[in-house]
Amino acid sequence: MMRLFSARFFAKGVRHLFAGLVFFAFAAFLPAQTEPAPAAPAQTQTVTISGSSTPTNASNSTTAAASKPEPWRLNIGMEGGSKPGDVSVAIQIVILMTLLTLAPSIVMLMTSFTRMVIVLGFVRTAIGVPSAPSNQIIVGLSLFLTFFLMGPIIDKVNTESLQPYLAGQMTSSQALDAASQPIKAFMLKQTRTRDLEFFLQMGRFPPTKVQDLPMRVVIPAFVISELQTAFQMGFLIFLPFLVIDFLVSSILMALGMMMMPPSVVSLPFKLLLFVLVDGWHLVVKSLVESFQ
């Protein structure tokens, strides 16, 4: 009997002990409840209006704002409505990709590249060596001569158009207009009047001032003028080498050497003449000065 009583008492004590441990474990994980701090006494401020004093309660707004987390806000304003509108970023990217695609055409048809490459090609053909210098050298020399000649215009475009646009002082359309003005002035300076009148007549344009001519008239007129000037310079380059060919042919016929090709005999003399007069220097100098 005593053993049964002691076993029951022991089991009851173990249950009470386990329940106490569980209670204390939950109490340790629960957040401690703190009593609210007593409210600070309200400060009384006296505001005098027309000689009478009225007590008002003013709380410390700085402390309250610091203790409260600032809520999320969504502001939709109409600021900038008075600023000039600009093209969206997507359209600007499309325009930039289009300009990069048309960059070779712009370099060839709106700069001095056309005249340079045609005249240098005529020099190679007039000498009689169609593969020396190669096409890559002719195009590369023409390209770098174009960069050299167009350097002041590129600097002007950078100063008047690109830098103000990057600084946010111009919209994209204003920057394009400002960039086209120096290039347009260069093309008009090298374009013949009759070529401009020809395209104005074909396009049925009314009488227009030179500075107001559209680019779709200036560009083709400039290209036609460049082709005309390049072929005139090529004709003048051909003349001395043609004289050498005539002399060699006459001498060969006088000697009775009918089967000897005149071009084979005249080629060394033409190369010698071109080297003695420093032909590349004269050709490049004439090309650069022709644009001034």
C-alpha atoms as a PDB file:
ATOM      1  CA  MET A   1       0.000   0.000   0.000  1.00  0.00           C
ATOM      2  CA  MET A   2       2.787   2.379   0.915  1.00  0.00           C
ATOM      3  CA  ARG A   3       4.622   1.544  -2.302  1.00  0.00           C
ATOM      4  CA  LEU A   4       1.505   2.328  -4.405  1.00  0.00           C
ATOM      5  CA  PHE A   5       0.985   5.663  -2.596  1.00  0.00           C
ATOM      6  CA  SER A   6       4.584   6.696  -3.029  1.00  0.00           C
ATOM      7  CA  ALA A   7       4.503   5.785  -6.746  1.00  0.00           C
ATOM      8  CA  ARG A   8       1.375   7.883  -7.288  1.00  0.00           C
ATOM      9  CA  PHE A   9       2.846  10.796  -5.356  1.00  0.00           C
ATOM     10  CA  PHE A  10       6.053  10.600  -7.378  1.00  0.00           C
ATOM     11  CA  ALA A  11       4.170  10.520 -10.692  1.00  0.00           C
ATOM     12  CA  LYS A  12       2.037  13.506  -9.642  1.00  0.00           C
ATOM     13  CA  GLY A  13       5.161  15.462  -8.660  1.00  0.00           C
ATOM     14  CA  VAL A  14       6.821  14.705 -11.988  1.00  0.00           C
ATOM     15  CA  ARG A  15       3.740  15.963 -13.851  1.00  0.00           C
ATOM     16  CA  HIS A  16       3.694  19.201 -11.846  1.00  0.00           C
ATOM     17  CA  LEU A  17       7.423  19.676 -12.416  1.00  0.00           C
ATOM     18  CA  PHE A  18       7.060  19.127 -16.197  1.00  0.00           C
ATOM     19  CA  ALA A  19       4.154  21.596 -16.372  1.00  0.00           C
ATOM     20  CA  GLY A  20       6.224  24.209 -14.541  1.00  0.00           C
ATOM     21  CA  LEU A  21       9.145  23.771 -16.880  1.00  0.00           C
ATOM     22  CA  VAL A  22       6.878  24.170 -19.912  1.00  0.00           C
ATOM     23  CA  PHE A  23       5.334  27.329 -18.394  1.00  0.00           C
ATOM     24  CA  PHE A  24       8.722  28.883 -17.743  1.00  0.00           C
ATOM     25  CA  ALA A  25       9.918  27.996 -21.265  1.00  0.00           C
ATOM     26  CA  PHE A  26       6.935  29.753 -22.883  1.00  0.00           C
ATOM     27  CA  ALA A  27       7.371  32.731 -20.575  1.00  0.00           C
ATOM     28  CA  ALA A  28      11.005  33.085 -21.637  1.00  0.00           C
ATOM     29  CA  PHE A  29      10.081  33.302 -25.327  1.00  0.00           C
ATOM     30  CA  LEU A  30       7.171  35.676 -24.897  1.00  0.00           C
ATOM     31  CA  PRO A  31       8.051  39.399 -25.342  1.00  0.00           C
ATOM     32  CA  ALA A  32       8.297  41.246 -22.120  1.00  0.00           C
ATOM     33  CA  GLN A  33       5.435  43.635 -21.546  1.00  0.00           C
ATOM     34  CA  THR A  34       6.575  47.010 -20.446  1.00  0.00           C
ATOM     35  CA  GLU A  35       4.403  49.480 -18.768  1.00  0.00           C
ATOM     36  CA  PRO A  36       3.627  52.570 -20.811  1.00  0.00           C
ATOM     37  CA  ALA A  37       5.828  55.481 -19.956  1.00  0.00           C
ATOM     38  CA  PRO A  38       4.083  58.308 -18.224  1.00  0.00           C
ATOM     39  CA  ALA A  39       3.116  61.042 -20.607  1.00  0.00           C
ATOM     40  CA  ALA A  40       5.281  64.092 -20.494  1.00  0.00           C
ATOM     41  CA  PRO A  41       3.610  67.101 -19.077  1.00  0.00           C
ATOM     42  CA  ALA A  42       2.220  69.277 -21.809  1.00  0.00           C
ATOM     43  CA  GLN A  43       4.024  72.491 -22.335  1.00  0.00           C
ATOM     44  CA  THR A  44       1.935  75.564 -22.209  1.00  0.00           C
ATOM     45  CA  GLN A  45       2.584  78.252 -24.737  1.00  0.00           C
ATOM     46  CA  THR A  46       1.032  81.658 -24.579  1.00  0.00           C
ATOM     47  CA  VAL A  47       0.054  83.362 -27.829  1.00  0.00           C
ATOM     48  CA  THR A  48      -0.886  86.986 -27.598  1.00  0.00           C
ATOM     49  CA  ILE A  49      -3.534  88.193 -30.038  1.00  0.00           C
ATOM     50  CA  SER A  50      -4.748  91.779 -29.849  1.00  0.00           C
ATOM     51  CA  GLY A  51      -3.700  92.159 -26.262  1.00  0.00           C
ATOM     52  CA  SER A  52      -5.357  88.925 -24.963  1.00  0.00           C
ATOM     53  CA  SER A  53      -3.439  85.768 -24.023  1.00  0.00           C
ATOM     54  CA  THR A  54      -4.712  82.280 -24.947  1.00  0.00           C
ATOM     55  CA  PRO A  55      -3.037  79.121 -23.566  1.00  0.00           C
ATOM     56  CA  THR A  56      -2.319  76.457 -26.198  1.00  0.00           C
ATOM     57  CA  ASN A  57      -0.858  72.972 -25.838  1.00  0.00           C
ATOM     58  CA  ALA A  58       2.211  72.361 -28.123  1.00  0.00           C
ATOM     59  CA  SER A  59       3.896  68.968 -28.254  1.00  0.00           C
ATOM     60  CA  ASN A  60       7.437  68.328 -29.388  1.00  0.00           C
ATOM     61  CA  SER A  61       6.864  67.550 -33.099  1.00  0.00           C
ATOM     62  CA  THR A  62      10.513  66.704 -33.754  1.00  0.00           C
ATOM     63  CA  THR A  63      10.566  63.884 -31.180  1.00  0.00           C
ATOM     64  CA  ALA A  64       7.260  62.500 -32.424  1.00  0.00           C
ATOM     65  CA  ALA A  65       8.409  62.545 -36.051  1.00  0.00           C
ATOM     66  CA  ALA A  66      11.637  60.780 -35.100  1.00  0.00           C
ATOM     67  CA  SER A  67       9.839  58.033 -33.165  1.00  0.00           C
ATOM     68  CA  LYS A  68       7.220  57.380 -35.890  1.00  0.00           C
ATOM     69  CA  PRO A  69       8.281  55.497 -39.036  1.00  0.00           C
ATOM     70  CA  GLU A  70       7.603  57.551 -42.138  1.00  0.00           C
ATOM     71  CA  PRO A  71       4.859  55.936 -44.252  1.00  0.00           C
ATOM     72  CA  TRP A  72       5.261  55.100 -47.940  1.00  0.00           C
ATOM     73  CA  ARG A  73       4.116  57.819 -50.312  1.00  0.00           C
ATOM     74  CA  LEU A  74       3.342  57.963 -54.038  1.00  0.00           C
ATOM     75  CA  ASN A  75       3.745  61.442 -55.500  1.00  0.00           C
ATOM     76  CA  ILE A  76       2.378  62.160 -58.966  1.00  0.00           C
ATOM     77  CA  GLY A  77       3.159  65.748 -59.889  1.00  0.00           C
ATOM     78  CA  MET A  78       2.943  67.930 -62.946  1.00  0.00           C
ATOM     79  CA  GLU A  79       6.396  69.441 -62.452  1.00  0.00           C
ATOM     80  CA  GLY A  80       8.250  70.132 -65.638  1.00  0.00           C
ATOM     81  CA  GLY A  81       5.122  70.814 -67.607  1.00  0.00           C
ATOM     82  CA  SER A  82       6.574  74.128 -68.665  1.00  0.00           C
ATOM     83  CA  LYS A  83       9.856  72.519 -69.861  1.00  0.00           C
ATOM     84  CA  PRO A  84      10.279  71.716 -73.559  1.00  0.00           C
ATOM     85  CA  GLY A  85       9.295  68.151 -74.328  1.00  0.00           C
ATOM     86  CA  ASP A  86      11.935  65.675 -75.452  1.00  0.00           C
ATOM     87  CA  VAL A  87      11.754  62.475 -77.424  1.00  0.00           C
ATOM     88  CA  SER A  88      11.335  59.327 -75.350  1.00  0.00           C
ATOM     89  CA  VAL A  89      14.322  57.131 -74.604  1.00  0.00           C
ATOM     90  CA  ALA A  90      13.077  54.295 -76.828  1.00  0.00           C
ATOM     91  CA  ILE A  91      12.757  56.600 -79.839  1.00  0.00           C
ATOM     92  CA  GLN A  92      16.192  58.074 -79.117  1.00  0.00           C
ATOM     93  CA  ILE A  93      17.692  54.557 -79.133  1.00  0.00           C
ATOM     94  CA  VAL A  94      15.981  53.809 -82.470  1.00  0.00           C
ATOM     95  CA  ILE A  95      17.326  57.069 -83.944  1.00  0.00           C
ATOM     96  CA  LEU A  96      20.827  56.303 -82.635  1.00  0.00           C
ATOM     97  CA  MET A  97      20.798  52.794 -84.136  1.00  0.00           C
ATOM     98  CA  THR A  98      19.583  54.235 -87.444  1.00  0.00           C
ATOM     99  CA  LEU A  99      22.403  56.795 -87.463  1.00  0.00           C
ATOM    100  CA  LEU A 100      24.954  54.072 -86.723  1.00  0.00           C
ATOM    101  CA  THR A 101      23.576  52.035 -89.619  1.00  0.00           C
ATOM    102  CA  LEU A 102      23.768  55.026 -91.966  1.00  0.00           C
ATOM    103  CA  ALA A 103      27.174  56.172 -90.677  1.00  0.00           C
ATOM    104  CA  PRO A 104      29.118  54.840 -93.708  1.00  0.00           C
ATOM    105  CA  SER A 105      26.751  56.626 -96.083  1.00  0.00           C
ATOM    106  CA  ILE A 106      27.006  59.832 -94.055  1.00  0.00           C
ATOM    107  CA  VAL A 107      30.824  59.686 -94.100  1.00  0.00           C
ATOM    108  CA  MET A 108      30.945  58.971 -97.848  1.00  0.00           C
ATOM    109  CA  LEU A 109      28.295  61.376 -99.096  1.00  0.00           C
ATOM    110  CA  MET A 110      28.333  64.307 -96.650  1.00  0.00           C
ATOM    111  CA  THR A 111      32.081  64.829 -96.241  1.00  0.00           C
ATOM    112  CA  SER A 112      35.154  65.182 -98.442  1.00  0.00           C
ATOM    113  CA  PHE A 113      35.578  61.404 -98.700  1.00  0.00           C
ATOM    114  CA  THR A 114      34.011  61.131-102.168  1.00  0.00           C
ATOM    115  CA  ARG A 115      36.486  63.482-103.838  1.00  0.00           C
ATOM    116  CA  MET A 116      39.443  61.986-101.988  1.00  0.00           C
ATOM    117  CA  VAL A 117      38.830  58.358-102.902  1.00  0.00           C
ATOM    118  CA  ILE A 118      37.996  59.099-106.569  1.00  0.00           C
ATOM    119  CA  VAL A 119      41.090  61.239-107.150  1.00  0.00           C
ATOM    120  CA  LEU A 120      43.410  58.740-105.471  1.00  0.00           C
ATOM    121  CA  GLY A 121      41.872  55.992-107.563  1.00  0.00           C
ATOM    122  CA  PHE A 122      42.552  58.027-110.715  1.00  0.00           C
ATOM    123  CA  VAL A 123      46.179  58.450-109.664  1.00  0.00           C
ATOM    124  CA  ARG A 124      46.614  54.693-109.363  1.00  0.00           C
ATOM    125  CA  THR A 125      44.947  54.069-112.733  1.00  0.00           C
ATOM    126  CA  ALA A 126      46.930  56.808-114.501  1.00  0.00           C
ATOM    127  CA  ILE A 127      50.239  55.350-113.356  1.00  0.00           C
ATOM    128  CA  GLY A 128      49.225  51.971-114.745  1.00  0.00           C
ATOM    129  CA  VAL A 129      49.413  49.822-111.595  1.00  0.00           C
ATOM    130  CA  PRO A 130      45.821  48.810-110.774  1.00  0.00           C
ATOM    131  CA  SER A 131      46.801  46.848-107.658  1.00  0.00           C
ATOM    132  CA  ALA A 132      49.368  49.168-106.044  1.00  0.00           C
ATOM    133  CA  PRO A 133      48.443  50.761-103.752  1.00  0.00           C
ATOM    134  CA  SER A 134      45.644  48.359-102.834  1.00  0.00           C
ATOM    135  CA  ASN A 135      42.012  49.325-102.315  1.00  0.00           C
ATOM    136  CA  GLN A 136      42.398  49.152 -98.528  1.00  0.00           C
ATOM    137  CA  ILE A 137      45.238  51.682 -98.606  1.00  0.00           C
ATOM    138  CA  ILE A 138      43.332  54.023-100.921  1.00  0.00           C
ATOM    139  CA  VAL A 139      40.193  53.905 -98.749  1.00  0.00           C
ATOM    140  CA  GLY A 140      42.172  54.212 -95.510  1.00  0.00           C
ATOM    141  CA  LEU A 141      44.157  57.206 -96.754  1.00  0.00           C
ATOM    142  CA  SER A 142      40.971  58.857 -97.998  1.00  0.00           C
ATOM    143  CA  LEU A 143      39.276  58.247 -94.636  1.00  0.00           C
ATOM    144  CA  PHE A 144      42.070  59.760 -92.568  1.00  0.00           C
ATOM    145  CA  LEU A 145      42.409  62.712 -94.930  1.00  0.00           C
ATOM    146  CA  THR A 146      38.660  63.225 -94.462  1.00  0.00           C
ATOM    147  CA  PHE A 147      39.042  63.215 -90.673  1.00  0.00           C
ATOM    148  CA  PHE A 148      41.927  65.669 -90.967  1.00  0.00           C
ATOM    149  CA  LEU A 149      39.954  68.017 -93.201  1.00  0.00           C
ATOM    150  CA  MET A 150      36.676  67.720 -91.272  1.00  0.00           C
ATOM    151  CA  GLY A 151      38.354  68.156 -87.870  1.00  0.00           C
ATOM    152  CA  PRO A 152      37.259  71.796 -87.304  1.00  0.00           C
ATOM    153  CA  ILE A 153      33.686  70.950 -88.310  1.00  0.00           C
ATOM    154  CA  ILE A 154      33.614  67.949 -85.948  1.00  0.00           C
ATOM    155  CA  ASP A 155      34.901  70.149 -83.101  1.00  0.00           C
ATOM    156  CA  LYS A 156      32.207  72.713 -83.867  1.00  0.00           C
ATOM    157  CA  VAL A 157      29.484  70.052 -83.813  1.00  0.00           C
ATOM    158  CA  ASN A 158      30.814  68.767 -80.495  1.00  0.00           C
ATOM    159  CA  THR A 159      30.891  72.251 -78.953  1.00  0.00           C
ATOM    160  CA  GLU A 160      27.561  73.534 -80.235  1.00  0.00           C
ATOM    161  CA  SER A 161      25.475  70.357 -80.226  1.00  0.00           C
ATOM    162  CA  LEU A 162      26.816  67.330 -78.358  1.00  0.00           C
ATOM    163  CA  GLN A 163      28.087  68.957 -75.169  1.00  0.00           C
ATOM    164  CA  PRO A 164      24.940  71.106 -74.595  1.00  0.00           C
ATOM    165  CA  TYR A 165      22.797  67.998 -75.180  1.00  0.00           C
ATOM    166  CA  LEU A 166      24.786  65.939 -72.658  1.00  0.00           C
ATOM    167  CA  ALA A 167      24.547  68.815 -70.173  1.00  0.00           C
ATOM    168  CA  GLY A 168      20.749  68.855 -70.520  1.00  0.00           C
ATOM    169  CA  GLN A 169      20.621  72.299 -72.105  1.00  0.00           C
ATOM    170  CA  MET A 170      19.130  71.027 -75.390  1.00  0.00           C
ATOM    171  CA  THR A 171      16.573  68.482 -76.439  1.00  0.00           C
ATOM    172  CA  SER A 172      17.468  65.793 -78.957  1.00  0.00           C
ATOM    173  CA  SER A 173      15.712  67.573 -81.839  1.00  0.00           C
ATOM    174  CA  GLN A 174      17.463  70.857 -81.043  1.00  0.00           C
ATOM    175  CA  ALA A 175      20.819  69.035 -80.852  1.00  0.00           C
ATOM    176  CA  LEU A 176      20.256  67.450 -84.262  1.00  0.00           C
ATOM    177  CA  ASP A 177      19.380  70.819 -85.785  1.00  0.00           C
ATOM    178  CA  ALA A 178      22.461  72.430 -84.254  1.00  0.00           C
ATOM    179  CA  ALA A 179      24.692  69.563 -85.458  1.00  0.00           C
ATOM    180  CA  SER A 180      23.407  69.784 -89.027  1.00  0.00           C
ATOM    181  CA  GLN A 181      24.204  73.473 -89.420  1.00  0.00           C
ATOM    182  CA  PRO A 182      28.064  73.231 -89.647  1.00  0.00           C
ATOM    183  CA  ILE A 183      27.845  70.219 -91.983  1.00  0.00           C
ATOM    184  CA  LYS A 184      25.278  71.990 -94.127  1.00  0.00           C
ATOM    185  CA  ALA A 185      27.494  75.094 -94.337  1.00  0.00           C
ATOM    186  CA  PHE A 186      30.452  72.928 -95.440  1.00  0.00           C
ATOM    187  CA  MET A 187      28.404  71.213 -98.161  1.00  0.00           C
ATOM    188  CA  LEU A 188      26.970  74.482 -99.450  1.00  0.00           C
ATOM    189  CA  LYS A 189      30.463  75.948 -99.703  1.00  0.00           C
ATOM    190  CA  GLN A 190      31.550  73.099-102.001  1.00  0.00           C
ATOM    191  CA  THR A 191      28.327  72.877-104.050  1.00  0.00           C
ATOM    192  CA  ARG A 192      27.814  74.594-107.377  1.00  0.00           C
ATOM    193  CA  THR A 193      24.867  76.941-107.707  1.00  0.00           C
ATOM    194  CA  ARG A 194      23.583  75.259-110.851  1.00  0.00           C
ATOM    195  CA  ASP A 195      23.392  71.899-109.015  1.00  0.00           C
ATOM    196  CA  LEU A 196      21.298  73.450-106.265  1.00  0.00           C
ATOM    197  CA  GLU A 197      19.020  75.080-108.815  1.00  0.00           C
ATOM    198  CA  PHE A 198      18.718  71.773-110.664  1.00  0.00           C
ATOM    199  CA  PHE A 199      17.398  69.905-107.619  1.00  0.00           C
ATOM    200  CA  LEU A 200      15.199  72.823-106.566  1.00  0.00           C
ATOM    201  CA  GLN A 201      13.627  72.766-110.011  1.00  0.00           C
ATOM    202  CA  MET A 202      13.169  69.001-109.954  1.00  0.00           C
ATOM    203  CA  GLY A 203      11.583  69.149-106.506  1.00  0.00           C
ATOM    204  CA  ARG A 204       9.309  72.051-107.533  1.00  0.00           C
ATOM    205  CA  PHE A 205      10.495  74.179-104.619  1.00  0.00           C
ATOM    206  CA  PRO A 206       9.654  77.887-104.508  1.00  0.00           C
ATOM    207  CA  PRO A 207      12.482  80.435-104.453  1.00  0.00           C
ATOM    208  CA  THR A 208      14.365  79.673-101.235  1.00  0.00           C
ATOM    209  CA  LYS A 209      17.230  81.339 -99.423  1.00  0.00           C
ATOM    210  CA  VAL A 210      20.477  79.415 -99.254  1.00  0.00           C
ATOM    211  CA  GLN A 211      20.411  79.081 -95.469  1.00  0.00           C
ATOM    212  CA  ASP A 212      16.841  77.747 -95.609  1.00  0.00           C
ATOM    213  CA  LEU A 213      17.521  74.979 -98.130  1.00  0.00           C
ATOM    214  CA  PRO A 214      16.456  71.518 -96.872  1.00  0.00           C
ATOM    215  CA  MET A 215      19.009  68.761 -96.500  1.00  0.00           C
ATOM    216  CA  ARG A 216      17.241  66.600 -99.095  1.00  0.00           C
ATOM    217  CA  VAL A 217      18.239  69.224-101.674  1.00  0.00           C
ATOM    218  CA  VAL A 218      21.702  70.037-100.338  1.00  0.00           C
ATOM    219  CA  ILE A 219      22.996  66.453-100.053  1.00  0.00           C
ATOM    220  CA  PRO A 220      22.377  65.249-103.659  1.00  0.00           C
ATOM    221  CA  ALA A 221      23.559  68.582-105.054  1.00  0.00           C
ATOM    222  CA  PHE A 222      26.750  68.285-102.997  1.00  0.00           C
ATOM    223  CA  VAL A 223      27.372  64.707-104.206  1.00  0.00           C
ATOM    224  CA  ILE A 224      26.933  65.702-107.869  1.00  0.00           C
ATOM    225  CA  SER A 225      29.301  68.641-107.414  1.00  0.00           C
ATOM    226  CA  GLU A 226      31.900  66.420-105.737  1.00  0.00           C
ATOM    227  CA  LEU A 227      31.769  63.904-108.585  1.00  0.00           C
ATOM    228  CA  GLN A 228      32.192  66.693-111.112  1.00  0.00           C
ATOM    229  CA  THR A 229      35.191  68.180-109.287  1.00  0.00           C
ATOM    230  CA  ALA A 230      36.813  64.769-108.757  1.00  0.00           C
ATOM    231  CA  PHE A 231      36.597  63.894-112.446  1.00  0.00           C
ATOM    232  CA  GLN A 232      38.062  67.262-113.426  1.00  0.00           C
ATOM    233  CA  MET A 233      41.018  66.668-111.115  1.00  0.00           C
ATOM    234  CA  GLY A 234      41.388  63.127-112.475  1.00  0.00           C
ATOM    235  CA  PHE A 235      41.614  64.486-116.030  1.00  0.00           C
ATOM    236  CA  LEU A 236      44.429  66.839-115.033  1.00  0.00           C
ATOM    237  CA  ILE A 237      46.251  63.957-113.319  1.00  0.00           C
ATOM    238  CA  PHE A 238      46.001  61.779-116.420  1.00  0.00           C
ATOM    239  CA  LEU A 239      47.581  64.349-118.762  1.00  0.00           C
ATOM    240  CA  PRO A 240      51.319  63.977-117.851  1.00  0.00           C
ATOM    241  CA  PHE A 241      51.124  60.191-117.848  1.00  0.00           C
ATOM    242  CA  LEU A 242      49.273  60.260-121.190  1.00  0.00           C
ATOM    243  CA  VAL A 243      52.108  62.313-122.669  1.00  0.00           C
ATOM    244  CA  ILE A 244      54.611  59.683-121.540  1.00  0.00           C
ATOM    245  CA  ASP A 245      52.507  56.950-123.185  1.00  0.00           C
ATOM    246  CA  PHE A 246      52.447  58.917-126.481  1.00  0.00           C
ATOM    247  CA  LEU A 247      56.201  59.404-126.439  1.00  0.00           C
ATOM    248  CA  VAL A 248      56.907  55.774-125.705  1.00  0.00           C
ATOM    249  CA  SER A 249      54.491  54.609-128.399  1.00  0.00           C
ATOM    250  CA  SER A 250      56.047  56.958-130.991  1.00  0.00           C
ATOM    251  CA  ILE A 251      59.562  55.803-130.146  1.00  0.00           C
ATOM    252  CA  LEU A 252      58.591  52.144-130.334  1.00  0.00           C
ATOM    253  CA  MET A 253      56.914  52.652-133.730  1.00  0.00           C
ATOM    254  CA  ALA A 254      59.962  54.547-135.008  1.00  0.00           C
ATOM    255  CA  LEU A 255      62.205  51.681-133.930  1.00  0.00           C
ATOM    256  CA  GLY A 256      59.911  49.157-135.575  1.00  0.00           C
ATOM    257  CA  MET A 257      59.103  47.384-132.353  1.00  0.00           C
ATOM    258  CA  MET A 258      55.438  46.824-133.144  1.00  0.00           C
ATOM    259  CA  MET A 259      55.058  43.747-130.968  1.00  0.00           C
ATOM    260  CA  MET A 260      56.333  45.434-127.797  1.00  0.00           C
ATOM    261  CA  PRO A 261      53.406  46.673-125.620  1.00  0.00           C
ATOM    262  CA  PRO A 262      53.879  50.411-124.968  1.00  0.00           C
ATOM    263  CA  SER A 263      52.433  50.115-121.458  1.00  0.00           C
ATOM    264  CA  VAL A 264      55.227  47.756-120.380  1.00  0.00           C
ATOM    265  CA  VAL A 265      57.902  50.210-121.502  1.00  0.00           C
ATOM    266  CA  SER A 266      56.163  53.372-120.263  1.00  0.00           C
ATOM    267  CA  LEU A 267      55.392  52.043-116.767  1.00  0.00           C
ATOM    268  CA  PRO A 268      58.941  52.460-115.364  1.00  0.00           C
ATOM    269  CA  PHE A 269      59.142  55.988-116.800  1.00  0.00           C
ATOM    270  CA  LYS A 270      55.812  56.955-115.285  1.00  0.00           C
ATOM    271  CA  LEU A 271      56.860  55.603-111.893  1.00  0.00           C
ATOM    272  CA  LEU A 272      60.160  57.461-112.162  1.00  0.00           C
ATOM    273  CA  LEU A 273      58.408  60.706-113.041  1.00  0.00           C
ATOM    274  CA  PHE A 274      55.901  60.323-110.195  1.00  0.00           C
ATOM    275  CA  VAL A 275      58.651  59.691-107.656  1.00  0.00           C
ATOM    276  CA  LEU A 276      60.903  62.529-108.874  1.00  0.00           C
ATOM    277  CA  VAL A 277      58.170  65.164-108.617  1.00  0.00           C
ATOM    278  CA  ASP A 278      56.995  63.801-105.224  1.00  0.00           C
ATOM    279  CA  GLY A 279      53.614  62.930-106.667  1.00  0.00           C
ATOM    280  CA  TRP A 280      51.810  61.822-103.491  1.00  0.00           C
ATOM    281  CA  HIS A 281      52.699  65.061-101.776  1.00  0.00           C
ATOM    282  CA  LEU A 282      51.410  67.108-104.713  1.00  0.00           C
ATOM    283  CA  VAL A 283      48.192  65.098-104.995  1.00  0.00           C
ATOM    284  CA  VAL A 284      47.358  65.274-101.279  1.00  0.00           C
ATOM    285  CA  LYS A 285      48.208  68.976-101.140  1.00  0.00           C
ATOM    286  CA  SER A 286      45.994  69.693-104.145  1.00  0.00           C
ATOM    287  CA  LEU A 287      43.121  67.710-102.594  1.00  0.00           C
ATOM    288  CA  VAL A 288      43.281  69.509 -99.245  1.00  0.00           C
ATOM    289  CA  GLU A 289      43.608  72.944-100.831  1.00  0.00           C
ATOM    290  CA  SER A 290      40.722  72.277-103.197  1.00  0.00           C
ATOM    291  CA  PHE A 291      38.341  72.400-100.205  1.00  0.00           C
ATOM    292  CA  GLN A 292      39.560  75.807 -99.078  1.00  0.00           C
END
